[in-house]
């Protein structure tokens, strides 16, 4: 989502989230549910796959932009 904390941390459309703070993401849409439960301002680690490469980023949870 444009201007989201995930985009600011370098996540891109097409990236597949594998885990959030070590909690596996097994189904599409599950990442949104896990993210919605996080406190704004908390730092989290997200593991994801981009193409054939697995990557990890840390980001600070922020408010989702309107729209």
C-alpha atoms as a PDB file:
ATOM      1  CA  UNK A   1       0.000   0.000   0.000  1.00  0.00           C
ATOM      2  CA  UNK A   2       1.479   3.385  -0.962  1.00  0.00           C
ATOM      3  CA  UNK A   3       2.868   5.459   1.916  1.00  0.00           C
ATOM      4  CA  UNK A   4       2.486   2.527   4.333  1.00  0.00           C
ATOM      5  CA  UNK A   5       5.118   1.504   6.928  1.00  0.00           C
ATOM      6  CA  UNK A   6       5.734  -1.659   4.870  1.00  0.00           C
ATOM      7  CA  UNK A   7       6.512   0.354   1.745  1.00  0.00           C
ATOM      8  CA  UNK A   8       8.793   2.651   3.750  1.00  0.00           C
ATOM      9  CA  UNK A   9      10.692  -0.439   4.974  1.00  0.00           C
ATOM     10  CA  UNK A  10      11.226  -1.613   1.386  1.00  0.00           C
ATOM     11  CA  UNK A  11       8.454  -4.164   0.908  1.00  0.00           C
ATOM     12  CA  UNK A  12       7.036  -4.157  -2.607  1.00  0.00           C
ATOM     13  CA  UNK A  13       3.941  -5.436  -4.363  1.00  0.00           C
ATOM     14  CA  UNK A  14       4.491  -9.115  -5.120  1.00  0.00           C
ATOM     15  CA  UNK A  15       6.602  -9.797  -2.015  1.00  0.00           C
ATOM     16  CA  UNK A  16       5.352 -12.825  -0.071  1.00  0.00           C
ATOM     17  CA  UNK A  17       5.348 -12.338   3.712  1.00  0.00           C
ATOM     18  CA  UNK A  18       6.660 -15.484   5.416  1.00  0.00           C
ATOM     19  CA  UNK A  19       6.503 -14.389   9.066  1.00  0.00           C
ATOM     20  CA  UNK A  20       5.895 -11.426  11.356  1.00  0.00           C
ATOM     21  CA  UNK A  21       7.947 -11.451  14.565  1.00  0.00           C
ATOM     22  CA  UNK A  22       8.563 -15.168  14.059  1.00  0.00           C
ATOM     23  CA  UNK A  23       4.868 -16.023  13.636  1.00  0.00           C
ATOM     24  CA  UNK A  24       4.508 -17.925  10.345  1.00  0.00           C
ATOM     25  CA  UNK A  25       2.138 -16.562   7.731  1.00  0.00           C
ATOM     26  CA  UNK A  26       0.557 -19.579   6.083  1.00  0.00           C
ATOM     27  CA  UNK A  27      -2.293 -18.052   4.065  1.00  0.00           C
ATOM     28  CA  UNK A  28      -2.763 -14.939   1.951  1.00  0.00           C
ATOM     29  CA  UNK A  29      -4.432 -12.280   4.052  1.00  0.00           C
ATOM     30  CA  UNK A  30      -3.128 -13.694   7.332  1.00  0.00           C
ATOM     31  CA  UNK A  31      -0.341 -11.092   7.352  1.00  0.00           C
ATOM     32  CA  UNK A  32      -2.933  -8.302   7.449  1.00  0.00           C
ATOM     33  CA  UNK A  33      -4.607  -9.899  10.452  1.00  0.00           C
ATOM     34  CA  UNK A  34      -1.313 -10.266  12.317  1.00  0.00           C
ATOM     35  CA  UNK A  35      -0.298  -6.707  11.440  1.00  0.00           C
ATOM     36  CA  UNK A  36      -3.647  -5.302  12.580  1.00  0.00           C
ATOM     37  CA  UNK A  37      -3.002  -6.682  16.083  1.00  0.00           C
ATOM     38  CA  UNK A  38       0.349  -4.891  16.475  1.00  0.00           C
ATOM     39  CA  UNK A  39       0.698  -1.744  18.555  1.00  0.00           C
ATOM     40  CA  UNK A  40       1.518   1.465  16.695  1.00  0.00           C
ATOM     41  CA  UNK A  41       5.123   2.441  17.424  1.00  0.00           C
ATOM     42  CA  UNK A  42       6.307  -1.116  18.086  1.00  0.00           C
ATOM     43  CA  UNK A  43       9.289  -2.409  16.100  1.00  0.00           C
ATOM     44  CA  UNK A  44       8.703  -5.710  14.297  1.00  0.00           C
ATOM     45  CA  UNK A  45      10.664  -8.077  12.070  1.00  0.00           C
ATOM     46  CA  UNK A  46       9.147  -9.238   8.807  1.00  0.00           C
ATOM     47  CA  UNK A  47      10.570 -12.140   6.805  1.00  0.00           C
ATOM     48  CA  UNK A  48       9.511 -12.220   3.165  1.00  0.00           C
ATOM     49  CA  UNK A  49      10.332 -13.726  -0.210  1.00  0.00           C
ATOM     50  CA  UNK A  50      11.031 -11.597  -3.277  1.00  0.00           C
ATOM     51  CA  UNK A  51      11.392 -13.783  -6.328  1.00  0.00           C
ATOM     52  CA  UNK A  52      13.763 -16.581  -5.287  1.00  0.00           C
ATOM     53  CA  UNK A  53      15.400 -14.646  -2.437  1.00  0.00           C
ATOM     54  CA  UNK A  54      14.335 -14.601   1.223  1.00  0.00           C
ATOM     55  CA  UNK A  55      14.834 -11.277   3.022  1.00  0.00           C
ATOM     56  CA  UNK A  56      14.164  -9.757   6.438  1.00  0.00           C
ATOM     57  CA  UNK A  57      13.340  -6.167   7.366  1.00  0.00           C
ATOM     58  CA  UNK A  58      12.645  -4.387  10.640  1.00  0.00           C
ATOM     59  CA  UNK A  59      10.069  -1.657  10.725  1.00  0.00           C
ATOM     60  CA  UNK A  60       8.174   0.480  13.167  1.00  0.00           C
ATOM     61  CA  UNK A  61       4.429  -0.109  13.097  1.00  0.00           C
ATOM     62  CA  UNK A  62       2.569   3.003  12.034  1.00  0.00           C
ATOM     63  CA  UNK A  63      -0.970   4.070  11.292  1.00  0.00           C
ATOM     64  CA  UNK A  64      -2.283   2.818   7.972  1.00  0.00           C
ATOM     65  CA  UNK A  65      -2.907   5.642   5.510  1.00  0.00           C
ATOM     66  CA  UNK A  66      -6.531   6.426   4.767  1.00  0.00           C
ATOM     67  CA  UNK A  67      -7.980   5.255   1.502  1.00  0.00           C
END
